[in-house]
C-alpha atoms as a PDB file:
ATOM      1  CA  MET A   1      24.153  44.835 -13.804  1.00  0.00           C
ATOM      2  CA  PHE A   2      24.684  46.910 -10.686  1.00  0.00           C
ATOM      3  CA  THR A   3      26.725  45.282  -7.913  1.00  0.00           C
ATOM      4  CA  HIS A   4      26.680  48.267  -5.513  1.00  0.00           C
ATOM      5  CA  ILE A   5      23.538  50.241  -4.652  1.00  0.00           C
ATOM      6  CA  PHE A   6      23.922  53.545  -2.793  1.00  0.00           C
ATOM      7  CA  PHE A   7      20.723  54.667  -1.042  1.00  0.00           C
ATOM      8  CA  ASP A   8      19.826  58.128   0.171  1.00  0.00           C
ATOM      9  CA  LEU A   9      18.168  57.971   3.607  1.00  0.00           C
ATOM     10  CA  ASP A  10      15.514  60.697   3.995  1.00  0.00           C
ATOM     11  CA  GLY A  11      12.746  60.318   1.446  1.00  0.00           C
ATOM     12  CA  THR A  12      14.207  57.100   0.059  1.00  0.00           C
ATOM     13  CA  LEU A  13      14.541  54.532   2.838  1.00  0.00           C
ATOM     14  CA  THR A  14      12.485  56.358   5.449  1.00  0.00           C
ATOM     15  CA  ASP A  15       9.861  59.085   5.639  1.00  0.00           C
ATOM     16  CA  PRO A  16      11.336  61.593   8.122  1.00  0.00           C
ATOM     17  CA  ALA A  17       8.764  64.346   7.645  1.00  0.00           C
ATOM     18  CA  LEU A  18       7.479  64.682  11.206  1.00  0.00           C
ATOM     19  CA  GLY A  19      10.897  64.832  12.854  1.00  0.00           C
ATOM     20  CA  ILE A  20      12.442  67.161  10.295  1.00  0.00           C
ATOM     21  CA  THR A  21       9.537  69.619  10.165  1.00  0.00           C
ATOM     22  CA  ASN A  22       9.345  69.746  13.974  1.00  0.00           C
ATOM     23  CA  SER A  23      13.089  70.416  14.117  1.00  0.00           C
ATOM     24  CA  PHE A  24      12.800  73.292  11.628  1.00  0.00           C
ATOM     25  CA  ILE A  25       9.896  74.717  13.650  1.00  0.00           C
ATOM     26  CA  HIS A  26      12.020  74.546  16.815  1.00  0.00           C
ATOM     27  CA  ALA A  27      14.829  76.479  15.124  1.00  0.00           C
ATOM     28  CA  LEU A  28      12.624  79.087  13.449  1.00  0.00           C
ATOM     29  CA  LYS A  29      10.749  79.788  16.683  1.00  0.00           C
ATOM     30  CA  PHE A  30      14.085  80.674  18.295  1.00  0.00           C
ATOM     31  CA  TYR A  31      14.419  83.513  15.764  1.00  0.00           C
ATOM     32  CA  GLY A  32      10.793  84.585  16.167  1.00  0.00           C
ATOM     33  CA  MET A  33      10.085  83.827  12.520  1.00  0.00           C
ATOM     34  CA  GLU A  34       6.773  83.013  10.926  1.00  0.00           C
ATOM     35  CA  ILE A  35       6.461  79.240  10.553  1.00  0.00           C
ATOM     36  CA  PRO A  36       5.875  78.071   6.956  1.00  0.00           C
ATOM     37  CA  SER A  37       3.166  75.538   6.222  1.00  0.00           C
ATOM     38  CA  TYR A  38       3.837  71.840   6.713  1.00  0.00           C
ATOM     39  CA  GLU A  39       3.893  71.429   2.915  1.00  0.00           C
ATOM     40  CA  GLU A  40       6.537  74.140   2.552  1.00  0.00           C
ATOM     41  CA  LEU A  41       8.649  72.656   5.331  1.00  0.00           C
ATOM     42  CA  CYS A  42       8.505  69.253   3.637  1.00  0.00           C
ATOM     43  CA  LYS A  43      10.213  70.790   0.605  1.00  0.00           C
ATOM     44  CA  LEU A  44      13.306  71.229   2.809  1.00  0.00           C
ATOM     45  CA  ILE A  45      13.725  67.472   3.268  1.00  0.00           C
ATOM     46  CA  GLY A  46      16.844  66.233   1.538  1.00  0.00           C
ATOM     47  CA  PRO A  47      19.272  69.115   1.009  1.00  0.00           C
ATOM     48  CA  PRO A  48      22.013  69.913   3.557  1.00  0.00           C
ATOM     49  CA  LEU A  49      20.673  72.016   6.427  1.00  0.00           C
ATOM     50  CA  PRO A  50      22.924  75.088   5.926  1.00  0.00           C
ATOM     51  CA  TYR A  51      21.801  75.228   2.286  1.00  0.00           C
ATOM     52  CA  SER A  52      18.135  75.224   3.354  1.00  0.00           C
ATOM     53  CA  PHE A  53      18.552  77.934   5.973  1.00  0.00           C
ATOM     54  CA  GLU A  54      20.567  80.109   3.586  1.00  0.00           C
ATOM     55  CA  THR A  55      18.466  79.712   0.425  1.00  0.00           C
ATOM     56  CA  THR A  56      14.958  79.444   1.902  1.00  0.00           C
ATOM     57  CA  PHE A  57      15.235  81.811   4.855  1.00  0.00           C
ATOM     58  CA  GLY A  58      18.022  84.127   3.669  1.00  0.00           C
ATOM     59  CA  PHE A  59      20.370  83.408   6.565  1.00  0.00           C
ATOM     60  CA  SER A  60      24.051  84.260   6.333  1.00  0.00           C
ATOM     61  CA  HIS A  61      26.354  81.240   6.540  1.00  0.00           C
ATOM     62  CA  GLU A  62      27.216  82.087  10.143  1.00  0.00           C
ATOM     63  CA  LYS A  63      23.553  82.425  11.135  1.00  0.00           C
ATOM     64  CA  ALA A  64      22.697  79.244   9.216  1.00  0.00           C
ATOM     65  CA  MET A  65      25.248  77.271  11.211  1.00  0.00           C
ATOM     66  CA  GLU A  66      23.751  78.667  14.432  1.00  0.00           C
ATOM     67  CA  ALA A  67      20.303  77.642  13.171  1.00  0.00           C
ATOM     68  CA  VAL A  68      21.585  74.129  12.479  1.00  0.00           C
ATOM     69  CA  ALA A  69      22.610  73.900  16.145  1.00  0.00           C
ATOM     70  CA  LYS A  70      19.102  74.983  17.227  1.00  0.00           C
ATOM     71  CA  TYR A  71      17.547  72.477  14.801  1.00  0.00           C
ATOM     72  CA  ARG A  72      19.611  69.715  16.364  1.00  0.00           C
ATOM     73  CA  GLU A  73      18.488  70.585  19.886  1.00  0.00           C
ATOM     74  CA  TYR A  74      15.175  69.019  18.913  1.00  0.00           C
ATOM     75  CA  PHE A  75      16.315  66.522  16.319  1.00  0.00           C
ATOM     76  CA  SER A  76      18.985  64.830  18.439  1.00  0.00           C
ATOM     77  CA  THR A  77      16.546  63.908  21.213  1.00  0.00           C
ATOM     78  CA  LYS A  78      13.104  63.644  19.591  1.00  0.00           C
ATOM     79  CA  GLY A  79      13.098  64.270  15.840  1.00  0.00           C
ATOM     80  CA  LEU A  80      15.575  61.492  15.144  1.00  0.00           C
ATOM     81  CA  PHE A  81      12.942  58.828  15.720  1.00  0.00           C
ATOM     82  CA  GLU A  82       9.854  60.726  14.483  1.00  0.00           C
ATOM     83  CA  ASN A  83      10.367  58.754  11.332  1.00  0.00           C
ATOM     84  CA  LYS A  84       9.096  55.598   9.596  1.00  0.00           C
ATOM     85  CA  VAL A  85      10.424  53.115   7.054  1.00  0.00           C
ATOM     86  CA  TYR A  86       8.630  53.127   3.711  1.00  0.00           C
ATOM     87  CA  ASP A  87       6.506  50.050   3.059  1.00  0.00           C
ATOM     88  CA  GLY A  88       8.396  47.456   1.053  1.00  0.00           C
ATOM     89  CA  ILE A  89      11.882  48.779   1.793  1.00  0.00           C
ATOM     90  CA  PRO A  90      12.951  46.018   4.251  1.00  0.00           C
ATOM     91  CA  GLU A  91      11.796  43.356   1.798  1.00  0.00           C
ATOM     92  CA  LEU A  92      13.675  45.033  -1.058  1.00  0.00           C
ATOM     93  CA  LEU A  93      16.871  45.267   0.982  1.00  0.00           C
ATOM     94  CA  GLN A  94      16.551  41.635   2.034  1.00  0.00           C
ATOM     95  CA  THR A  95      16.169  40.514  -1.587  1.00  0.00           C
ATOM     96  CA  LEU A  96      19.143  42.597  -2.706  1.00  0.00           C
ATOM     97  CA  LYS A  97      21.352  41.117   0.005  1.00  0.00           C
ATOM     98  CA  GLU A  98      20.261  37.593  -0.918  1.00  0.00           C
ATOM     99  CA  LYS A  99      21.324  38.327  -4.502  1.00  0.00           C
ATOM    100  CA  GLY A 100      24.780  39.388  -3.320  1.00  0.00           C
ATOM    101  CA  LYS A 101      24.405  43.127  -3.849  1.00  0.00           C
ATOM    102  CA  HIS A 102      26.531  45.517  -1.782  1.00  0.00           C
ATOM    103  CA  LEU A 103      24.323  48.162  -0.128  1.00  0.00           C
ATOM    104  CA  VAL A 104      25.480  51.512   1.221  1.00  0.00           C
ATOM    105  CA  VAL A 105      23.655  54.453   2.798  1.00  0.00           C
ATOM    106  CA  ALA A 106      24.868  57.727   1.235  1.00  0.00           C
ATOM    107  CA  THR A 107      23.171  60.681   2.916  1.00  0.00           C
ATOM    108  CA  SER A 108      23.797  64.352   3.657  1.00  0.00           C
ATOM    109  CA  LYS A 109      22.465  63.729   7.163  1.00  0.00           C
ATOM    110  CA  PRO A 110      25.228  63.433   9.790  1.00  0.00           C
ATOM    111  CA  GLU A 111      26.645  59.935   9.821  1.00  0.00           C
ATOM    112  CA  GLU A 112      26.229  59.716  13.599  1.00  0.00           C
ATOM    113  CA  TYR A 113      22.456  60.266  13.346  1.00  0.00           C
ATOM    114  CA  SER A 114      22.096  58.084  10.257  1.00  0.00           C
ATOM    115  CA  ILE A 115      23.636  55.080  11.986  1.00  0.00           C
ATOM    116  CA  LYS A 116      21.269  55.516  14.942  1.00  0.00           C
ATOM    117  CA  ILE A 117      18.251  55.713  12.633  1.00  0.00           C
ATOM    118  CA  ILE A 118      18.959  52.596  10.594  1.00  0.00           C
ATOM    119  CA  GLU A 119      19.859  50.666  13.748  1.00  0.00           C
ATOM    120  CA  HIS A 120      16.631  51.820  15.421  1.00  0.00           C
ATOM    121  CA  PHE A 121      14.535  50.586  12.490  1.00  0.00           C
ATOM    122  CA  GLY A 122      16.393  47.294  12.084  1.00  0.00           C
ATOM    123  CA  LEU A 123      17.964  48.141   8.728  1.00  0.00           C
ATOM    124  CA  ALA A 124      21.637  48.127   9.718  1.00  0.00           C
ATOM    125  CA  LYS A 125      22.079  44.426   8.904  1.00  0.00           C
ATOM    126  CA  TYR A 126      21.543  45.122   5.208  1.00  0.00           C
ATOM    127  CA  PHE A 127      24.267  47.732   4.741  1.00  0.00           C
ATOM    128  CA  ASP A 128      28.020  47.404   4.290  1.00  0.00           C
ATOM    129  CA  PHE A 129      28.563  51.053   5.218  1.00  0.00           C
ATOM    130  CA  VAL A 130      26.634  54.127   6.350  1.00  0.00           C
ATOM    131  CA  CYS A 131      28.191  57.238   4.818  1.00  0.00           C
ATOM    132  CA  GLY A 132      27.049  60.699   5.835  1.00  0.00           C
ATOM    133  CA  SER A 133      28.234  64.175   6.705  1.00  0.00           C
ATOM    134  CA  LEU A 134      30.228  65.182   9.756  1.00  0.00           C
ATOM    135  CA  MET A 135      28.652  67.060  12.657  1.00  0.00           C
ATOM    136  CA  ASP A 136      30.369  70.305  11.616  1.00  0.00           C
ATOM    137  CA  GLU A 137      28.438  70.000   8.290  1.00  0.00           C
ATOM    138  CA  SER A 138      31.600  69.247   6.314  1.00  0.00           C
ATOM    139  CA  ARG A 139      31.195  66.511   3.691  1.00  0.00           C
ATOM    140  CA  SER A 140      27.499  67.460   3.490  1.00  0.00           C
ATOM    141  CA  LYS A 141      27.311  68.032  -0.274  1.00  0.00           C
ATOM    142  CA  LYS A 142      25.961  64.919  -1.959  1.00  0.00           C
ATOM    143  CA  ASP A 143      28.849  64.532  -4.396  1.00  0.00           C
ATOM    144  CA  GLU A 144      31.253  64.586  -1.422  1.00  0.00           C
ATOM    145  CA  VAL A 145      29.249  61.919   0.418  1.00  0.00           C
ATOM    146  CA  ILE A 146      29.150  59.720  -2.684  1.00  0.00           C
ATOM    147  CA  ALA A 147      32.896  60.119  -3.244  1.00  0.00           C
ATOM    148  CA  TYR A 148      33.444  59.090   0.375  1.00  0.00           C
ATOM    149  CA  ALA A 149      31.165  56.060  -0.105  1.00  0.00           C
ATOM    150  CA  LEU A 150      33.107  55.004  -3.206  1.00  0.00           C
ATOM    151  CA  GLU A 151      36.334  55.299  -1.228  1.00  0.00           C
ATOM    152  CA  ARG A 152      34.995  53.222   1.659  1.00  0.00           C
ATOM    153  CA  CYS A 153      33.897  50.533  -0.803  1.00  0.00           C
ATOM    154  CA  ASP A 154      37.339  50.654  -2.442  1.00  0.00           C
ATOM    155  CA  LEU A 155      35.747  51.302  -5.840  1.00  0.00           C
ATOM    156  CA  GLY A 156      37.849  52.905  -8.538  1.00  0.00           C
ATOM    157  CA  GLU A 157      36.980  54.595 -11.826  1.00  0.00           C
ATOM    158  CA  GLY A 158      36.670  51.255 -13.592  1.00  0.00           C
ATOM    159  CA  ASP A 159      34.064  50.032 -11.108  1.00  0.00           C
ATOM    160  CA  LYS A 160      31.675  52.962 -11.419  1.00  0.00           C
ATOM    161  CA  GLN A 161      29.531  51.418 -14.140  1.00  0.00           C
ATOM    162  CA  ASN A 162      28.473  48.860 -11.536  1.00  0.00           C
ATOM    163  CA  VAL A 163      27.216  51.458  -9.020  1.00  0.00           C
ATOM    164  CA  LEU A 164      23.701  52.978  -8.846  1.00  0.00           C
ATOM    165  CA  MET A 165      22.743  55.947  -6.658  1.00  0.00           C
ATOM    166  CA  VAL A 166      19.095  55.934  -5.517  1.00  0.00           C
ATOM    167  CA  GLY A 167      17.513  59.080  -4.109  1.00  0.00           C
ATOM    168  CA  ASP A 168      14.479  61.351  -4.164  1.00  0.00           C
ATOM    169  CA  ARG A 169      15.919  64.846  -4.727  1.00  0.00           C
ATOM    170  CA  PHE A 170      17.981  66.587  -7.386  1.00  0.00           C
ATOM    171  CA  HIS A 171      20.993  66.669  -5.064  1.00  0.00           C
ATOM    172  CA  ASP A 172      21.150  62.870  -5.264  1.00  0.00           C
ATOM    173  CA  ILE A 173      21.067  62.883  -9.050  1.00  0.00           C
ATOM    174  CA  GLU A 174      23.560  65.716  -9.453  1.00  0.00           C
ATOM    175  CA  GLY A 175      25.874  64.145  -6.870  1.00  0.00           C
ATOM    176  CA  ALA A 176      25.835  60.894  -8.825  1.00  0.00           C
ATOM    177  CA  LYS A 177      26.600  62.678 -12.105  1.00  0.00           C
ATOM    178  CA  LYS A 178      29.570  64.506 -10.567  1.00  0.00           C
ATOM    179  CA  ASN A 179      30.964  61.093  -9.621  1.00  0.00           C
ATOM    180  CA  ASN A 180      30.165  59.545 -13.029  1.00  0.00           C
ATOM    181  CA  LEU A 181      27.535  57.197 -11.594  1.00  0.00           C
ATOM    182  CA  LYS A 182      24.131  56.157 -12.895  1.00  0.00           C
ATOM    183  CA  SER A 183      21.206  57.327 -10.779  1.00  0.00           C
ATOM    184  CA  CYS A 184      17.603  56.399 -10.059  1.00  0.00           C
ATOM    185  CA  GLY A 185      15.141  58.955  -8.739  1.00  0.00           C
ATOM    186  CA  VAL A 186      12.211  57.792  -6.623  1.00  0.00           C
ATOM    187  CA  LEU A 187       8.819  59.504  -6.547  1.00  0.00           C
ATOM    188  CA  PHE A 188       7.625  58.159  -3.192  1.00  0.00           C
ATOM    189  CA  GLY A 189       9.912  60.671  -1.447  1.00  0.00           C
ATOM    190  CA  TYR A 190       9.940  64.476  -1.632  1.00  0.00           C
ATOM    191  CA  GLY A 191      11.171  65.284  -5.130  1.00  0.00           C
ATOM    192  CA  THR A 192       9.010  65.779  -8.223  1.00  0.00           C
ATOM    193  CA  ARG A 193       9.275  64.001 -11.556  1.00  0.00           C
ATOM    194  CA  SER A 194      10.263  67.246 -13.280  1.00  0.00           C
ATOM    195  CA  GLU A 195      12.984  67.883 -10.669  1.00  0.00           C
ATOM    196  CA  LEU A 196      14.441  64.415 -11.194  1.00  0.00           C
ATOM    197  CA  GLU A 197      14.163  64.538 -14.982  1.00  0.00           C
ATOM    198  CA  GLU A 198      15.722  67.995 -15.222  1.00  0.00           C
ATOM    199  CA  SER A 199      18.666  66.936 -13.057  1.00  0.00           C
ATOM    200  CA  GLY A 200      19.296  63.985 -15.371  1.00  0.00           C
ATOM    201  CA  ALA A 201      18.161  60.842 -13.559  1.00  0.00           C
ATOM    202  CA  ASP A 202      18.888  57.715 -15.619  1.00  0.00           C
ATOM    203  CA  PHE A 203      15.863  55.926 -14.152  1.00  0.00           C
ATOM    204  CA  ILE A 204      12.759  57.064 -12.268  1.00  0.00           C
ATOM    205  CA  ALA A 205      10.692  54.754 -10.042  1.00  0.00           C
ATOM    206  CA  GLU A 206       7.197  55.673  -8.905  1.00  0.00           C
ATOM    207  CA  SER A 207       7.085  52.996  -6.216  1.00  0.00           C
ATOM    208  CA  VAL A 208       9.266  50.625  -4.228  1.00  0.00           C
ATOM    209  CA  ALA A 209       7.999  47.802  -6.467  1.00  0.00           C
ATOM    210  CA  GLU A 210       9.118  49.680  -9.578  1.00  0.00           C
ATOM    211  CA  LEU A 211      12.483  50.431  -7.951  1.00  0.00           C
ATOM    212  CA  SER A 212      12.890  46.722  -7.320  1.00  0.00           C
ATOM    213  CA  LYS A 213      12.406  45.955 -11.030  1.00  0.00           C
ATOM    214  CA  ILE A 214      15.075  48.485 -11.967  1.00  0.00           C
ATOM    215  CA  ILE A 215      17.824  47.316  -9.621  1.00  0.00           C
ATOM    216  CA  ILE A 216      17.274  43.566  -9.264  1.00  0.00           C
END
């Protein structure tokens, strides 16, 4: 069975909706743009920020990178901790560690912020590594983050059958496939069942309890 479990952060370990939506609002107000509904903003949780600003709001890459900087004005001081751990996640992580599993955070969020978040919520003790993007948004594509996580774990091609990527959006599933890993989509985050099925998730869990049955 799986010896290494890679977890996405936003929408998988924690519910970051308040902090992320407030950060998008802060950035969009700078440009004098109409603010989408809370439900529409929640759809932006998960993908890399430049991708969201470019595809959802039609920004050029240069303008998207400027918007990322405005987003972070809010996120780095307030939005970071406008967040909460999903019920059952600490217990799941504790059980996995007791069974000798190696746990890794693999997120498109900057590694610097991700470390602060899991330390703030008392989750750092469960993870071998926290792997994320760099502050200049390089290594932000999910397949790049996963490849980096595999490298940090010193896992080669022959070890990949023992690794499971867990996440809530299609980027997590597609990133796993590009690295020849199995994946599990979760429905308590921000992706839909159809999104996860269409991207090729090997497993889908509706709840933390169901996720536990899949990976333990």
